[in-house]
Amino acid sequence: MTDYTYIMEKFKRARTMEQIANRQEEIITVCDSIYRRKGYEAVHFNAVSKMTSVSRSSIYNYYNTKEEIFLDLLMRDFGKWTEELKSFFDKNKKITKKEFCIFLSDSLIKHEKYFELLAVYMPPIEKNSRLEKLTAYRQHTRTFFNVFIEGLGKFFPKASDEKKRMFYTYFQTVVYGLYPLTNLSDKQLQAMKKTYPKYKVPDFRQICFNALMLLMADI
């Protein structure tokens, strides 16, 4: 093989990989748009194909199910969230527990919509996705975990590794549980008000901040 042929073959492969990545990004973005506007059930291959340059049959070249698209959507968001945390951790040399909880609460607000996927739809997403897709997703969450723990270690060096891991575990539990508590359907809200006339939906940010401050007691 001549140098020219080698270079052209390498260029073709790179171009093909770039095209694949672009197509997947297009599909993910449309999935996100439909989900935000109409909800989880409204996302299907027909709806996605009508809003992209990818035909319904061609979508199967990239994803076996809509749940695999949602996994990639979650991976994309975890990637953005990881970068937000890393940037904050890099810019600050020292912060208090309160400042750390304020930052986390504000950061969570930016990604609140995706907690619905984690809290409500993760079982069917995992069930209907291939193992390799699930593995890639878990690797993304692992990266997030590493950055999170590194930040805790930087700002709270006296905390043991066990306490840092436990804080992260409880942090996940709080976050996943907050969504259904603070995002009630109209029917749920009506039922709650009939049961408790003065009921008010808890404020996501406030209850998140309060919970995180309690968790920080052992850090």
N, C-alpha and C. Protein backbone atom coordinates (compact mmCIF):
# COMPACT_ATOMS: atom_id res chain seq x y z
N MET A 1 0.85 -1.19 0.00
CA MET A 1 0.00 0.00 0.00
C MET A 1 0.89 1.25 0.00
N THR A 2 0.65 2.15 -0.93
CA THR A 2 1.43 3.39 -0.99
C THR A 2 1.01 4.31 0.15
N ASP A 3 1.88 5.32 0.41
CA ASP A 3 1.58 6.28 1.46
C ASP A 3 0.27 7.01 1.14
N TYR A 4 0.09 7.32 -0.14
CA TYR A 4 -1.12 8.05 -0.55
C TYR A 4 -2.38 7.22 -0.27
N THR A 5 -2.31 5.93 -0.64
CA THR A 5 -3.46 5.04 -0.41
C THR A 5 -3.75 4.91 1.08
N TYR A 6 -2.70 4.79 1.88
CA TYR A 6 -2.87 4.66 3.33
C TYR A 6 -3.54 5.90 3.91
N ILE A 7 -3.08 7.06 3.46
CA ILE A 7 -3.65 8.32 3.95
C ILE A 7 -5.13 8.43 3.57
N MET A 8 -5.46 8.05 2.33
CA MET A 8 -6.85 8.15 1.85
C MET A 8 -7.75 7.18 2.62
N GLU A 9 -7.24 5.98 2.88
CA GLU A 9 -8.03 5.01 3.63
C GLU A 9 -8.28 5.52 5.05
N LYS A 10 -7.25 6.09 5.63
CA LYS A 10 -7.39 6.63 6.99
C LYS A 10 -8.38 7.79 6.99
N PHE A 11 -8.33 8.62 5.95
CA PHE A 11 -9.25 9.75 5.84
C PHE A 11 -10.69 9.26 5.71
N LYS A 12 -10.89 8.22 4.91
CA LYS A 12 -12.24 7.68 4.71
C LYS A 12 -12.81 7.14 6.01
N ARG A 13 -11.96 6.43 6.78
CA ARG A 13 -12.43 5.88 8.04
C ARG A 13 -12.80 6.99 9.02
N ALA A 14 -11.94 8.01 9.09
CA ALA A 14 -12.20 9.14 9.99
C ALA A 14 -13.48 9.86 9.59
N ARG A 15 -13.64 10.02 8.27
CA ARG A 15 -14.83 10.71 7.77
C ARG A 15 -16.08 9.90 8.10
N THR A 16 -15.98 8.59 7.94
CA THR A 16 -17.11 7.73 8.26
C THR A 16 -17.46 7.80 9.74
N MET A 17 -16.46 7.77 10.62
CA MET A 17 -16.69 7.86 12.05
C MET A 17 -17.30 9.21 12.42
N GLU A 18 -16.85 10.26 11.74
CA GLU A 18 -17.40 11.59 11.99
C GLU A 18 -18.87 11.65 11.57
N GLN A 19 -19.18 11.04 10.44
CA GLN A 19 -20.55 11.02 9.98
C GLN A 19 -21.45 10.25 10.94
N ILE A 20 -20.95 9.13 11.43
CA ILE A 20 -21.71 8.33 12.40
C ILE A 20 -21.99 9.15 13.65
N ALA A 21 -20.95 9.82 14.15
CA ALA A 21 -21.09 10.64 15.36
C ALA A 21 -22.10 11.76 15.14
N ASN A 22 -22.05 12.38 13.96
CA ASN A 22 -22.98 13.47 13.65
C ASN A 22 -24.42 12.97 13.57
N ARG A 23 -24.60 11.81 12.95
CA ARG A 23 -25.94 11.24 12.85
C ARG A 23 -26.48 10.91 14.25
N GLN A 24 -25.65 10.31 15.07
CA GLN A 24 -26.08 9.97 16.42
C GLN A 24 -26.43 11.21 17.22
N GLU A 25 -25.62 12.24 17.08
CA GLU A 25 -25.88 13.50 17.80
C GLU A 25 -27.21 14.10 17.34
N GLU A 26 -27.48 14.01 16.07
CA GLU A 26 -28.74 14.52 15.52
C GLU A 26 -29.93 13.76 16.12
N ILE A 27 -29.81 12.45 16.17
CA ILE A 27 -30.88 11.61 16.73
C ILE A 27 -31.08 11.91 18.21
N ILE A 28 -29.99 12.01 18.96
CA ILE A 28 -30.07 12.29 20.39
C ILE A 28 -30.72 13.64 20.65
N THR A 29 -30.32 14.65 19.89
CA THR A 29 -30.86 15.99 20.07
C THR A 29 -32.36 16.03 19.82
N VAL A 30 -32.81 15.35 18.79
CA VAL A 30 -34.24 15.31 18.49
C VAL A 30 -34.99 14.54 19.57
N CYS A 31 -34.42 13.45 20.03
CA CYS A 31 -35.01 12.68 21.12
C CYS A 31 -35.19 13.57 22.34
N ASP A 32 -34.18 14.34 22.66
CA ASP A 32 -34.23 15.27 23.80
C ASP A 32 -35.35 16.29 23.62
N SER A 33 -35.46 16.84 22.41
CA SER A 33 -36.48 17.84 22.11
C SER A 33 -37.89 17.29 22.29
N ILE A 34 -38.14 16.11 21.74
CA ILE A 34 -39.46 15.49 21.85
C ILE A 34 -39.77 15.18 23.31
N TYR A 35 -38.80 14.64 24.00
CA TYR A 35 -38.98 14.28 25.41
C TYR A 35 -39.33 15.49 26.26
N ARG A 36 -38.63 16.59 26.04
CA ARG A 36 -38.88 17.80 26.82
C ARG A 36 -40.26 18.38 26.53
N ARG A 37 -40.69 18.30 25.28
CA ARG A 37 -41.97 18.92 24.89
C ARG A 37 -43.18 18.02 25.14
N LYS A 38 -43.01 16.71 24.89
CA LYS A 38 -44.17 15.83 24.91
C LYS A 38 -44.07 14.66 25.87
N GLY A 39 -42.88 14.42 26.42
CA GLY A 39 -42.73 13.35 27.39
C GLY A 39 -42.13 12.09 26.81
N TYR A 40 -41.85 11.15 27.67
CA TYR A 40 -41.14 9.91 27.34
C TYR A 40 -41.89 9.07 26.31
N GLU A 41 -43.19 8.90 26.50
CA GLU A 41 -43.98 8.01 25.64
C GLU A 41 -44.05 8.51 24.20
N ALA A 42 -43.86 9.81 24.00
CA ALA A 42 -43.96 10.39 22.65
C ALA A 42 -42.72 10.12 21.81
N VAL A 43 -41.66 9.64 22.43
CA VAL A 43 -40.42 9.36 21.69
C VAL A 43 -40.48 7.97 21.09
N HIS A 44 -40.42 7.90 19.77
CA HIS A 44 -40.32 6.63 19.05
C HIS A 44 -39.62 6.90 17.71
N PHE A 45 -39.21 5.84 17.05
CA PHE A 45 -38.39 6.00 15.85
C PHE A 45 -39.10 6.78 14.74
N ASN A 46 -40.40 6.61 14.59
CA ASN A 46 -41.13 7.36 13.57
C ASN A 46 -41.06 8.85 13.84
N ALA A 47 -41.29 9.23 15.11
CA ALA A 47 -41.26 10.65 15.47
C ALA A 47 -39.87 11.24 15.28
N VAL A 48 -38.84 10.45 15.65
CA VAL A 48 -37.46 10.93 15.51
C VAL A 48 -37.09 11.09 14.04
N SER A 49 -37.47 10.13 13.21
CA SER A 49 -37.10 10.17 11.79
C SER A 49 -37.73 11.37 11.07
N LYS A 50 -38.93 11.78 11.51
CA LYS A 50 -39.61 12.91 10.88
C LYS A 50 -38.91 14.24 11.16
N MET A 51 -38.10 14.26 12.19
CA MET A 51 -37.43 15.51 12.58
C MET A 51 -35.94 15.48 12.32
N THR A 52 -35.46 14.43 11.65
CA THR A 52 -34.04 14.33 11.34
C THR A 52 -33.86 13.99 9.87
N SER A 53 -32.60 13.92 9.47
CA SER A 53 -32.29 13.51 8.09
C SER A 53 -32.12 12.00 8.01
N VAL A 54 -32.42 11.31 9.10
CA VAL A 54 -32.23 9.86 9.18
C VAL A 54 -33.59 9.16 9.06
N SER A 55 -33.69 8.23 8.13
CA SER A 55 -34.95 7.50 7.96
C SER A 55 -35.17 6.55 9.14
N ARG A 56 -36.42 6.11 9.31
CA ARG A 56 -36.74 5.21 10.42
C ARG A 56 -35.90 3.93 10.35
N SER A 57 -35.79 3.36 9.17
CA SER A 57 -35.02 2.11 9.02
C SER A 57 -33.54 2.34 9.29
N SER A 58 -33.04 3.52 8.93
CA SER A 58 -31.61 3.81 9.14
C SER A 58 -31.26 4.02 10.60
N ILE A 59 -32.25 4.43 11.41
CA ILE A 59 -31.99 4.61 12.83
C ILE A 59 -31.51 3.31 13.47
N TYR A 60 -31.98 2.18 12.91
CA TYR A 60 -31.58 0.87 13.45
C TYR A 60 -30.10 0.58 13.22
N ASN A 61 -29.46 1.36 12.36
CA ASN A 61 -28.01 1.20 12.18
C ASN A 61 -27.25 1.73 13.40
N TYR A 62 -27.93 2.56 14.19
CA TYR A 62 -27.29 3.19 15.34
C TYR A 62 -27.87 2.72 16.68
N TYR A 63 -29.17 2.45 16.68
CA TYR A 63 -29.84 2.07 17.93
C TYR A 63 -30.84 0.95 17.68
N ASN A 64 -30.90 0.01 18.60
CA ASN A 64 -31.87 -1.08 18.50
C ASN A 64 -33.23 -0.67 19.05
N THR A 65 -33.22 0.21 20.05
CA THR A 65 -34.45 0.64 20.70
C THR A 65 -34.36 2.12 21.04
N LYS A 66 -35.50 2.71 21.36
CA LYS A 66 -35.49 4.12 21.77
C LYS A 66 -34.78 4.28 23.11
N GLU A 67 -34.82 3.23 23.93
CA GLU A 67 -34.16 3.28 25.22
C GLU A 67 -32.66 3.47 25.08
N GLU A 68 -32.08 2.94 24.00
CA GLU A 68 -30.65 3.14 23.77
C GLU A 68 -30.34 4.58 23.41
N ILE A 69 -31.29 5.25 22.76
CA ILE A 69 -31.11 6.68 22.49
C ILE A 69 -31.10 7.44 23.81
N PHE A 70 -32.01 7.07 24.71
CA PHE A 70 -32.07 7.74 26.01
C PHE A 70 -30.79 7.50 26.81
N LEU A 71 -30.20 6.34 26.68
CA LEU A 71 -28.93 6.09 27.36
C LEU A 71 -27.86 7.04 26.86
N ASP A 72 -27.79 7.23 25.55
CA ASP A 72 -26.82 8.17 24.99
C ASP A 72 -27.14 9.60 25.42
N LEU A 73 -28.43 9.91 25.54
CA LEU A 73 -28.84 11.23 26.02
C LEU A 73 -28.36 11.43 27.46
N LEU A 74 -28.52 10.42 28.28
CA LEU A 74 -28.04 10.50 29.66
C LEU A 74 -26.52 10.61 29.71
N MET A 75 -25.84 9.87 28.84
CA MET A 75 -24.38 9.95 28.81
C MET A 75 -23.92 11.35 28.42
N ARG A 76 -24.61 11.94 27.45
CA ARG A 76 -24.25 13.30 27.03
C ARG A 76 -24.44 14.28 28.19
N ASP A 77 -25.55 14.13 28.92
CA ASP A 77 -25.80 15.04 30.03
C ASP A 77 -24.83 14.81 31.18
N PHE A 78 -24.52 13.55 31.46
CA PHE A 78 -23.54 13.27 32.51
C PHE A 78 -22.18 13.86 32.13
N GLY A 79 -21.85 13.83 30.84
CA GLY A 79 -20.60 14.42 30.38
C GLY A 79 -20.57 15.92 30.64
N LYS A 80 -21.68 16.61 30.34
CA LYS A 80 -21.76 18.05 30.58
C LYS A 80 -21.70 18.37 32.07
N TRP A 81 -22.42 17.56 32.84
CA TRP A 81 -22.45 17.76 34.29
C TRP A 81 -21.07 17.53 34.89
N THR A 82 -20.36 16.53 34.41
CA THR A 82 -19.00 16.25 34.89
C THR A 82 -18.08 17.43 34.62
N GLU A 83 -18.19 18.02 33.42
CA GLU A 83 -17.37 19.16 33.07
C GLU A 83 -17.70 20.37 33.94
N GLU A 84 -18.97 20.55 34.28
CA GLU A 84 -19.38 21.65 35.16
C GLU A 84 -18.75 21.50 36.54
N LEU A 85 -18.81 20.28 37.07
CA LEU A 85 -18.20 20.03 38.37
C LEU A 85 -16.70 20.24 38.33
N LYS A 86 -16.06 19.69 37.31
CA LYS A 86 -14.60 19.80 37.21
C LYS A 86 -14.17 21.26 37.09
N SER A 87 -14.89 22.04 36.31
CA SER A 87 -14.56 23.45 36.13
C SER A 87 -14.69 24.20 37.46
N PHE A 88 -15.75 23.92 38.19
CA PHE A 88 -15.95 24.57 39.49
C PHE A 88 -14.86 24.17 40.47
N PHE A 89 -14.54 22.90 40.50
CA PHE A 89 -13.51 22.42 41.41
C PHE A 89 -12.14 23.01 41.08
N ASP A 90 -11.85 23.17 39.80
CA ASP A 90 -10.56 23.70 39.37
C ASP A 90 -10.44 25.20 39.70
N LYS A 91 -11.56 25.93 39.61
CA LYS A 91 -11.53 27.38 39.80
C LYS A 91 -11.46 27.79 41.26
N ASN A 92 -11.90 26.91 42.15
CA ASN A 92 -11.96 27.25 43.57
C ASN A 92 -10.92 26.47 44.36
N LYS A 93 -10.21 27.21 45.21
CA LYS A 93 -9.18 26.57 46.03
C LYS A 93 -9.74 26.13 47.38
N LYS A 94 -10.74 26.87 47.85
CA LYS A 94 -11.30 26.56 49.16
C LYS A 94 -12.75 27.04 49.21
N ILE A 95 -13.65 26.20 49.72
CA ILE A 95 -15.05 26.58 49.89
C ILE A 95 -15.59 25.96 51.19
N THR A 96 -16.65 26.55 51.70
CA THR A 96 -17.29 26.03 52.91
C THR A 96 -18.29 24.93 52.52
N LYS A 97 -18.78 24.22 53.53
CA LYS A 97 -19.80 23.19 53.28
C LYS A 97 -21.05 23.82 52.68
N LYS A 98 -21.43 24.98 53.18
CA LYS A 98 -22.62 25.66 52.67
C LYS A 98 -22.44 26.04 51.20
N GLU A 99 -21.28 26.58 50.86
CA GLU A 99 -21.01 26.96 49.47
C GLU A 99 -21.02 25.75 48.55
N PHE A 100 -20.50 24.63 49.06
CA PHE A 100 -20.49 23.39 48.28
C PHE A 100 -21.92 22.92 48.01
N CYS A 101 -22.77 22.98 49.02
CA CYS A 101 -24.16 22.55 48.87
C CYS A 101 -24.96 23.48 47.97
N ILE A 102 -24.66 24.77 48.04
CA ILE A 102 -25.32 25.74 47.15
C ILE A 102 -24.96 25.44 45.71
N PHE A 103 -23.67 25.20 45.47
CA PHE A 103 -23.24 24.88 44.11
C PHE A 103 -23.92 23.61 43.59
N LEU A 104 -23.93 22.55 44.41
CA LEU A 104 -24.55 21.30 43.99
C LEU A 104 -26.04 21.48 43.70
N SER A 105 -26.73 22.22 44.55
CA SER A 105 -28.17 22.46 44.36
C SER A 105 -28.42 23.21 43.06
N ASP A 106 -27.63 24.24 42.81
CA ASP A 106 -27.79 25.02 41.58
C ASP A 106 -27.45 24.17 40.35
N SER A 107 -26.44 23.33 40.49
CA SER A 107 -26.04 22.47 39.39
C SER A 107 -27.13 21.45 39.08
N LEU A 108 -27.77 20.93 40.11
CA LEU A 108 -28.83 19.95 39.93
C LEU A 108 -30.03 20.55 39.20
N ILE A 109 -30.32 21.82 39.49
CA ILE A 109 -31.44 22.50 38.84
C ILE A 109 -31.27 22.48 37.32
N LYS A 110 -30.05 22.66 36.86
CA LYS A 110 -29.78 22.70 35.42
C LYS A 110 -30.09 21.36 34.75
N HIS A 111 -30.03 20.28 35.52
CA HIS A 111 -30.21 18.94 34.96
C HIS A 111 -31.45 18.24 35.51
N GLU A 112 -32.36 19.01 36.08
CA GLU A 112 -33.52 18.43 36.77
C GLU A 112 -34.36 17.53 35.86
N LYS A 113 -34.51 17.91 34.60
CA LYS A 113 -35.36 17.13 33.70
C LYS A 113 -34.87 15.70 33.56
N TYR A 114 -33.58 15.50 33.63
CA TYR A 114 -33.03 14.16 33.43
C TYR A 114 -33.22 13.26 34.65
N PHE A 115 -33.55 13.87 35.79
CA PHE A 115 -33.82 13.04 36.96
C PHE A 115 -35.10 12.23 36.77
N GLU A 116 -35.99 12.72 35.93
CA GLU A 116 -37.19 11.94 35.62
C GLU A 116 -36.79 10.62 34.95
N LEU A 117 -35.83 10.70 34.03
CA LEU A 117 -35.35 9.48 33.37
C LEU A 117 -34.74 8.52 34.40
N LEU A 118 -33.95 9.07 35.31
CA LEU A 118 -33.27 8.24 36.30
C LEU A 118 -34.25 7.69 37.34
N ALA A 119 -35.19 8.52 37.76
CA ALA A 119 -36.09 8.13 38.84
C ALA A 119 -37.28 7.29 38.37
N VAL A 120 -37.74 7.55 37.14
CA VAL A 120 -38.98 6.92 36.68
C VAL A 120 -38.75 5.89 35.58
N TYR A 121 -37.84 6.17 34.65
CA TYR A 121 -37.74 5.36 33.44
C TYR A 121 -36.48 4.51 33.34
N MET A 122 -35.63 4.55 34.37
CA MET A 122 -34.39 3.79 34.26
C MET A 122 -34.60 2.28 34.13
N PRO A 123 -35.57 1.67 34.83
CA PRO A 123 -35.78 0.22 34.67
C PRO A 123 -36.06 -0.19 33.22
N PRO A 124 -37.02 0.44 32.50
CA PRO A 124 -37.22 0.03 31.10
C PRO A 124 -36.04 0.40 30.20
N ILE A 125 -35.35 1.49 30.52
CA ILE A 125 -34.18 1.87 29.72
C ILE A 125 -33.11 0.79 29.82
N GLU A 126 -32.84 0.32 31.03
CA GLU A 126 -31.84 -0.72 31.21
C GLU A 126 -32.29 -2.04 30.61
N LYS A 127 -33.57 -2.37 30.78
CA LYS A 127 -34.09 -3.64 30.28
C LYS A 127 -34.02 -3.73 28.77
N ASN A 128 -34.24 -2.63 28.07
CA ASN A 128 -34.34 -2.64 26.61
C ASN A 128 -33.10 -2.09 25.91
N SER A 129 -31.98 -2.12 26.60
CA SER A 129 -30.71 -1.67 26.00
C SER A 129 -29.70 -2.81 26.01
N ARG A 130 -28.82 -2.80 25.02
CA ARG A 130 -27.78 -3.83 24.94
C ARG A 130 -26.74 -3.63 26.03
N LEU A 131 -26.08 -4.72 26.39
CA LEU A 131 -25.10 -4.69 27.46
C LEU A 131 -23.99 -3.68 27.17
N GLU A 132 -23.53 -3.61 25.92
CA GLU A 132 -22.45 -2.68 25.60
C GLU A 132 -22.86 -1.22 25.79
N LYS A 133 -24.15 -0.93 25.54
CA LYS A 133 -24.64 0.43 25.75
C LYS A 133 -24.71 0.73 27.24
N LEU A 134 -25.17 -0.23 28.02
CA LEU A 134 -25.23 -0.05 29.46
C LEU A 134 -23.84 0.12 30.06
N THR A 135 -22.89 -0.65 29.54
CA THR A 135 -21.52 -0.56 30.03
C THR A 135 -20.94 0.83 29.76
N ALA A 136 -21.18 1.35 28.56
CA ALA A 136 -20.70 2.70 28.22
C ALA A 136 -21.32 3.74 29.14
N TYR A 137 -22.59 3.57 29.44
CA TYR A 137 -23.28 4.50 30.34
C TYR A 137 -22.67 4.44 31.74
N ARG A 138 -22.44 3.23 32.23
CA ARG A 138 -21.86 3.09 33.57
C ARG A 138 -20.46 3.67 33.64
N GLN A 139 -19.73 3.59 32.55
CA GLN A 139 -18.39 4.18 32.52
C GLN A 139 -18.47 5.71 32.64
N HIS A 140 -19.50 6.30 32.04
CA HIS A 140 -19.69 7.74 32.16
C HIS A 140 -20.01 8.12 33.60
N THR A 141 -20.88 7.34 34.25
CA THR A 141 -21.22 7.64 35.63
C THR A 141 -20.00 7.43 36.54
N ARG A 142 -19.14 6.51 36.17
CA ARG A 142 -17.92 6.28 36.93
C ARG A 142 -17.01 7.50 36.86
N THR A 143 -16.92 8.10 35.68
CA THR A 143 -16.12 9.32 35.51
C THR A 143 -16.68 10.44 36.38
N PHE A 144 -18.00 10.57 36.39
CA PHE A 144 -18.65 11.58 37.23
C PHE A 144 -18.31 11.33 38.71
N PHE A 145 -18.40 10.06 39.11
CA PHE A 145 -18.09 9.69 40.50
C PHE A 145 -16.66 10.08 40.86
N ASN A 146 -15.72 9.79 39.98
CA ASN A 146 -14.31 10.10 40.26
C ASN A 146 -14.09 11.60 40.44
N VAL A 147 -14.70 12.41 39.57
CA VAL A 147 -14.56 13.86 39.67
C VAL A 147 -15.21 14.37 40.96
N PHE A 148 -16.36 13.83 41.28
CA PHE A 148 -17.09 14.22 42.49
C PHE A 148 -16.26 13.93 43.74
N ILE A 149 -15.73 12.72 43.82
CA ILE A 149 -14.92 12.31 44.98
C ILE A 149 -13.64 13.14 45.07
N GLU A 150 -13.06 13.43 43.92
CA GLU A 150 -11.84 14.26 43.89
C GLU A 150 -12.13 15.65 44.44
N GLY A 151 -13.30 16.20 44.08
CA GLY A 151 -13.68 17.51 44.60
C GLY A 151 -13.88 17.50 46.10
N LEU A 152 -14.54 16.47 46.60
CA LEU A 152 -14.71 16.34 48.05
C LEU A 152 -13.36 16.27 48.75
N GLY A 153 -12.44 15.52 48.17
CA GLY A 153 -11.11 15.39 48.76
C GLY A 153 -10.34 16.70 48.77
N LYS A 154 -10.55 17.51 47.74
CA LYS A 154 -9.85 18.79 47.65
C LYS A 154 -10.34 19.77 48.70
N PHE A 155 -11.65 19.89 48.83
CA PHE A 155 -12.23 20.89 49.72
C PHE A 155 -12.36 20.42 51.17
N PHE A 156 -12.45 19.10 51.34
CA PHE A 156 -12.62 18.56 52.70
C PHE A 156 -11.62 17.41 52.91
N PRO A 157 -10.34 17.77 53.00
CA PRO A 157 -9.26 16.77 53.04
C PRO A 157 -9.29 15.86 54.28
N LYS A 158 -9.97 16.29 55.34
CA LYS A 158 -10.02 15.49 56.56
C LYS A 158 -11.03 14.35 56.47
N ALA A 159 -11.90 14.41 55.48
CA ALA A 159 -12.92 13.37 55.32
C ALA A 159 -12.27 12.06 54.86
N SER A 160 -12.66 10.96 55.45
CA SER A 160 -12.12 9.66 55.06
C SER A 160 -12.71 9.23 53.71
N ASP A 161 -12.03 8.30 53.07
CA ASP A 161 -12.53 7.78 51.79
C ASP A 161 -13.92 7.16 51.95
N GLU A 162 -14.12 6.48 53.07
CA GLU A 162 -15.42 5.84 53.31
C GLU A 162 -16.53 6.88 53.44
N LYS A 163 -16.26 7.97 54.16
CA LYS A 163 -17.27 9.01 54.32
C LYS A 163 -17.57 9.72 53.00
N LYS A 164 -16.55 9.89 52.18
CA LYS A 164 -16.76 10.53 50.87
C LYS A 164 -17.63 9.64 49.99
N ARG A 165 -17.36 8.33 50.01
CA ARG A 165 -18.16 7.41 49.20
C ARG A 165 -19.60 7.34 49.72
N MET A 166 -19.76 7.36 51.03
CA MET A 166 -21.10 7.32 51.61
C MET A 166 -21.87 8.59 51.27
N PHE A 167 -21.18 9.73 51.30
CA PHE A 167 -21.84 10.99 50.94
C PHE A 167 -22.35 10.92 49.50
N TYR A 168 -21.52 10.39 48.61
CA TYR A 168 -21.93 10.27 47.21
C TYR A 168 -23.14 9.34 47.08
N THR A 169 -23.14 8.25 47.80
CA THR A 169 -24.25 7.30 47.75
C THR A 169 -25.54 7.96 48.24
N TYR A 170 -25.47 8.67 49.35
CA TYR A 170 -26.65 9.35 49.88
C TYR A 170 -27.08 10.49 48.96
N PHE A 171 -26.10 11.15 48.37
CA PHE A 171 -26.37 12.22 47.41
C PHE A 171 -27.21 11.68 46.25
N GLN A 172 -26.83 10.54 45.71
CA GLN A 172 -27.60 9.92 44.64
C GLN A 172 -29.02 9.58 45.09
N THR A 173 -29.13 9.02 46.28
CA THR A 173 -30.44 8.63 46.81
C THR A 173 -31.36 9.84 46.95
N VAL A 174 -30.82 10.94 47.46
CA VAL A 174 -31.60 12.16 47.61
C VAL A 174 -32.03 12.71 46.26
N VAL A 175 -31.09 12.78 45.35
CA VAL A 175 -31.38 13.34 44.03
C VAL A 175 -32.45 12.55 43.30
N TYR A 176 -32.33 11.22 43.28
CA TYR A 176 -33.29 10.40 42.56
C TYR A 176 -34.67 10.45 43.22
N GLY A 177 -34.68 10.60 44.54
CA GLY A 177 -35.96 10.64 45.24
C GLY A 177 -36.65 11.98 45.19
N LEU A 178 -35.89 13.04 44.91
CA LEU A 178 -36.46 14.38 44.89
C LEU A 178 -37.41 14.61 43.72
N TYR A 179 -37.09 14.01 42.58
CA TYR A 179 -37.90 14.32 41.40
C TYR A 179 -39.38 13.97 41.59
N PRO A 180 -39.73 12.74 41.95
CA PRO A 180 -41.16 12.43 42.12
C PRO A 180 -41.80 13.20 43.26
N LEU A 181 -41.00 13.64 44.24
CA LEU A 181 -41.53 14.40 45.36
C LEU A 181 -41.86 15.83 44.98
N THR A 182 -41.09 16.39 44.06
CA THR A 182 -41.24 17.81 43.71
C THR A 182 -41.83 18.02 42.31
N ASN A 183 -42.17 16.94 41.62
CA ASN A 183 -42.76 17.05 40.28
C ASN A 183 -43.99 16.14 40.19
N LEU A 184 -45.07 16.60 40.74
CA LEU A 184 -46.30 15.82 40.75
C LEU A 184 -47.12 16.06 39.49
N SER A 185 -47.79 15.01 39.03
CA SER A 185 -48.72 15.17 37.92
C SER A 185 -49.94 15.92 38.42
N ASP A 186 -50.77 16.41 37.49
CA ASP A 186 -51.98 17.13 37.88
C ASP A 186 -52.89 16.25 38.74
N LYS A 187 -52.99 14.99 38.38
CA LYS A 187 -53.85 14.07 39.13
C LYS A 187 -53.29 13.84 40.55
N GLN A 188 -51.98 13.67 40.64
CA GLN A 188 -51.35 13.49 41.95
C GLN A 188 -51.55 14.71 42.83
N LEU A 189 -51.40 15.89 42.21
CA LEU A 189 -51.55 17.14 42.96
C LEU A 189 -52.98 17.31 43.46
N GLN A 190 -53.94 16.97 42.61
CA GLN A 190 -55.35 17.06 43.02
C GLN A 190 -55.64 16.13 44.20
N ALA A 191 -55.08 14.91 44.12
CA ALA A 191 -55.29 13.94 45.20
C ALA A 191 -54.67 14.42 46.51
N MET A 192 -53.47 15.00 46.41
CA MET A 192 -52.80 15.49 47.61
C MET A 192 -53.57 16.65 48.24
N LYS A 193 -54.12 17.55 47.41
CA LYS A 193 -54.85 18.70 47.94
C LYS A 193 -56.19 18.30 48.53
N LYS A 194 -56.78 17.22 48.00
CA LYS A 194 -58.02 16.72 48.60
C LYS A 194 -57.75 16.07 49.95
N THR A 195 -56.56 15.49 50.07
CA THR A 195 -56.16 14.85 51.32
C THR A 195 -55.62 15.86 52.32
N TYR A 196 -54.79 16.77 51.81
CA TYR A 196 -54.19 17.82 52.63
C TYR A 196 -54.48 19.17 51.96
N PRO A 197 -55.58 19.83 52.32
CA PRO A 197 -56.02 21.07 51.65
C PRO A 197 -54.95 22.16 51.54
N LYS A 198 -54.04 22.21 52.50
CA LYS A 198 -53.01 23.26 52.49
C LYS A 198 -51.69 22.77 51.87
N TYR A 199 -51.74 21.63 51.20
CA TYR A 199 -50.50 21.04 50.65
C TYR A 199 -49.89 21.93 49.57
N LYS A 200 -48.57 22.07 49.63
CA LYS A 200 -47.80 22.78 48.62
C LYS A 200 -46.65 21.89 48.15
N VAL A 201 -46.41 21.88 46.87
CA VAL A 201 -45.32 21.06 46.33
C VAL A 201 -43.99 21.61 46.85
N PRO A 202 -43.15 20.77 47.43
CA PRO A 202 -41.86 21.22 47.95
C PRO A 202 -41.00 21.84 46.85
N ASP A 203 -40.25 22.86 47.22
CA ASP A 203 -39.34 23.51 46.28
C ASP A 203 -38.10 22.64 46.09
N PHE A 204 -37.80 22.27 44.86
CA PHE A 204 -36.70 21.35 44.58
C PHE A 204 -35.39 21.86 45.13
N ARG A 205 -35.07 23.10 44.83
CA ARG A 205 -33.76 23.64 45.24
C ARG A 205 -33.63 23.70 46.74
N GLN A 206 -34.67 24.16 47.42
CA GLN A 206 -34.59 24.33 48.86
C GLN A 206 -34.47 23.00 49.59
N ILE A 207 -35.30 22.04 49.20
CA ILE A 207 -35.26 20.75 49.87
C ILE A 207 -33.96 20.01 49.55
N CYS A 208 -33.45 20.22 48.35
CA CYS A 208 -32.17 19.62 47.96
C CYS A 208 -31.04 20.20 48.81
N PHE A 209 -31.02 21.53 48.94
CA PHE A 209 -29.99 22.19 49.74
C PHE A 209 -30.04 21.71 51.19
N ASN A 210 -31.25 21.66 51.77
CA ASN A 210 -31.39 21.23 53.16
C ASN A 210 -30.89 19.80 53.36
N ALA A 211 -31.23 18.93 52.41
CA ALA A 211 -30.81 17.53 52.51
C ALA A 211 -29.29 17.41 52.41
N LEU A 212 -28.70 18.16 51.48
CA LEU A 212 -27.25 18.10 51.30
C LEU A 212 -26.51 18.62 52.53
N MET A 213 -27.06 19.67 53.14
CA MET A 213 -26.42 20.21 54.36
C MET A 213 -26.44 19.16 55.48
N LEU A 214 -27.53 18.41 55.58
CA LEU A 214 -27.58 17.35 56.58
C LEU A 214 -26.54 16.28 56.29
N LEU A 215 -26.39 15.93 55.02
CA LEU A 215 -25.42 14.90 54.63
C LEU A 215 -23.98 15.37 54.87
N MET A 216 -23.76 16.68 54.79
CA MET A 216 -22.40 17.22 54.96
C MET A 216 -21.93 17.18 56.41
N ALA A 217 -22.85 16.85 57.33
CA ALA A 217 -22.49 16.87 58.76
C ALA A 217 -21.33 15.92 59.07
N ASP A 218 -21.24 14.82 58.34
CA ASP A 218 -20.19 13.84 58.60
C ASP A 218 -18.95 14.04 57.74
N ILE A 219 -18.94 15.07 56.91
CA ILE A 219 -17.79 15.32 56.04
C ILE A 219 -16.81 16.27 56.71
